[in-house]
Amino acid sequence: MFTGVFKDRSTKERAAEQALAELLAARELRGYTLSRNCELGPFLIDYLFIERSLIVELTPPAHAAGSPLTARYDARIKFLNTMGYVVWGVSPQELLRHPERVLARLRTALER
């Protein structure tokens, strides 16, 4: 029973990661330089629009307030913001349900 739950979750995560990669390859974003798998300080960044200092990532699932994972994620965001980067997170659910809406919001963020 548990195996099915973990398998579904893993499949959904992979689907969201694939959807994000496809979204970032969209024709509308080709005017922006996108770097993949960059190291910034101690962190590996999957997607970075260098000219805009904009990091794009899937947001992690919500964790209980005060949990070590939440604290680590918040510290990571704070570090990257201090370095001058903006972290633009998108939820996997929104990406999979409304990719056009996510693309429009991303274009707006890049045009700022």
Protein backbone atom coordinates (compact mmCIF):
# COMPACT_ATOMS: atom_id res chain seq x y z
CA MET A 1 0.00 0.00 0.00
CA PHE A 2 2.73 2.50 0.89
CA THR A 3 4.69 1.66 -2.24
CA GLY A 4 1.85 2.94 -4.41
CA VAL A 5 1.71 6.23 -2.52
CA PHE A 6 5.46 6.79 -2.88
CA LYS A 7 5.42 5.73 -6.52
CA ASP A 8 2.61 8.22 -7.30
CA ARG A 9 4.41 11.01 -5.51
CA SER A 10 7.62 10.29 -7.36
CA THR A 11 5.80 10.19 -10.67
CA LYS A 12 4.14 13.54 -9.95
CA GLU A 13 7.46 15.08 -8.98
CA ARG A 14 9.08 13.84 -12.18
CA ALA A 15 6.15 15.15 -14.21
CA ALA A 16 6.47 18.58 -12.58
CA GLU A 17 10.24 18.66 -13.19
CA GLN A 18 9.68 17.75 -16.85
CA ALA A 19 6.92 20.35 -17.19
CA LEU A 20 9.22 23.03 -15.74
CA ALA A 21 12.02 22.11 -18.15
CA GLU A 22 9.59 22.31 -21.08
CA LEU A 23 8.16 25.61 -19.88
CA LEU A 24 11.63 27.16 -19.62
CA ALA A 25 12.38 26.03 -23.17
CA ALA A 26 9.33 27.90 -24.48
CA ARG A 27 9.75 30.15 -27.50
CA GLU A 28 8.60 33.18 -25.46
CA LEU A 29 11.61 32.84 -23.16
CA ARG A 30 14.32 32.35 -25.79
CA GLY A 31 15.37 35.99 -25.56
CA TYR A 32 16.71 35.40 -22.07
CA THR A 33 19.90 33.55 -21.23
CA LEU A 34 19.11 30.51 -19.12
CA SER A 35 21.84 28.65 -17.25
CA ARG A 36 21.27 25.20 -15.87
CA ASN A 37 22.88 23.49 -12.89
CA CYS A 38 24.84 26.48 -11.59
CA GLU A 39 26.63 26.60 -8.27
CA LEU A 40 25.89 29.65 -6.14
CA GLY A 41 27.72 29.48 -2.86
CA PRO A 42 26.96 26.10 -1.33
CA PHE A 43 23.85 25.58 -3.47
CA LEU A 44 23.20 23.96 -6.81
CA ILE A 45 20.68 25.97 -8.79
CA ASP A 46 18.72 24.14 -11.48
CA TYR A 47 17.60 27.18 -13.52
CA LEU A 48 19.04 30.69 -13.48
CA PHE A 49 18.29 33.61 -15.76
CA ILE A 50 21.65 35.31 -15.30
CA GLU A 51 20.80 38.74 -16.76
CA ARG A 52 17.85 39.10 -14.42
CA SER A 53 19.41 37.34 -11.40
CA LEU A 54 16.27 35.24 -11.33
CA ILE A 55 16.29 31.68 -10.02
CA VAL A 56 13.36 29.50 -11.07
CA GLU A 57 12.48 26.41 -9.08
CA LEU A 58 9.67 24.19 -7.98
CA THR A 59 8.58 24.99 -4.46
CA PRO A 60 9.03 22.17 -1.98
CA PRO A 61 6.00 20.62 -0.34
CA ALA A 62 4.79 22.47 2.72
CA HIS A 63 6.47 21.34 5.92
CA ALA A 64 5.45 21.90 9.48
CA ALA A 65 6.56 25.27 10.80
CA GLY A 66 9.86 25.00 12.61
CA SER A 67 10.89 21.74 10.96
CA PRO A 68 14.55 21.38 9.95
CA LEU A 69 13.61 21.26 6.25
CA THR A 70 11.64 24.50 6.46
CA ALA A 71 14.45 26.22 8.33
CA ARG A 72 17.02 25.01 5.78
CA TYR A 73 14.88 26.16 2.85
CA ASP A 74 14.30 29.57 4.45
CA ALA A 75 18.04 29.97 5.14
CA ARG A 76 18.80 29.07 1.52
CA ILE A 77 16.35 31.69 0.22
CA LYS A 78 17.76 34.31 2.57
CA PHE A 79 21.34 33.54 1.47
CA LEU A 80 20.43 33.76 -2.23
CA ASN A 81 18.51 37.02 -1.69
CA THR A 82 21.51 38.46 0.14
CA MET A 83 23.65 37.55 -2.88
CA GLY A 84 21.28 39.63 -5.05
CA TYR A 85 19.20 36.81 -6.54
CA VAL A 86 15.44 36.58 -6.64
CA VAL A 87 14.04 33.10 -6.14
CA TRP A 88 10.89 32.59 -8.16
CA GLY A 89 9.11 29.49 -6.99
CA VAL A 90 6.21 27.76 -8.63
CA SER A 91 4.15 25.03 -7.07
CA PRO A 92 4.13 21.73 -8.95
CA GLN A 93 0.33 21.63 -8.79
CA GLU A 94 -0.08 25.04 -10.42
CA LEU A 95 2.51 24.24 -13.07
CA LEU A 96 0.80 21.00 -14.05
CA ARG A 97 -2.72 22.49 -13.99
CA HIS A 98 -2.09 25.95 -15.49
CA PRO A 99 1.19 26.06 -17.44
CA GLU A 100 0.08 29.03 -19.57
CA ARG A 101 -0.64 31.07 -16.45
CA VAL A 102 2.76 30.16 -14.99
CA LEU A 103 4.48 31.12 -18.26
CA ALA A 104 2.74 34.51 -18.28
CA ARG A 105 3.78 35.20 -14.68
CA LEU A 106 7.36 34.17 -15.46
CA ARG A 107 7.50 36.48 -18.48
CA THR A 108 6.26 39.32 -16.27
CA ALA A 109 8.94 38.56 -13.69
CA LEU A 110 11.65 38.56 -16.36
CA GLU A 111 10.49 41.88 -17.82
CA ARG A 112 10.89 43.74 -14.54
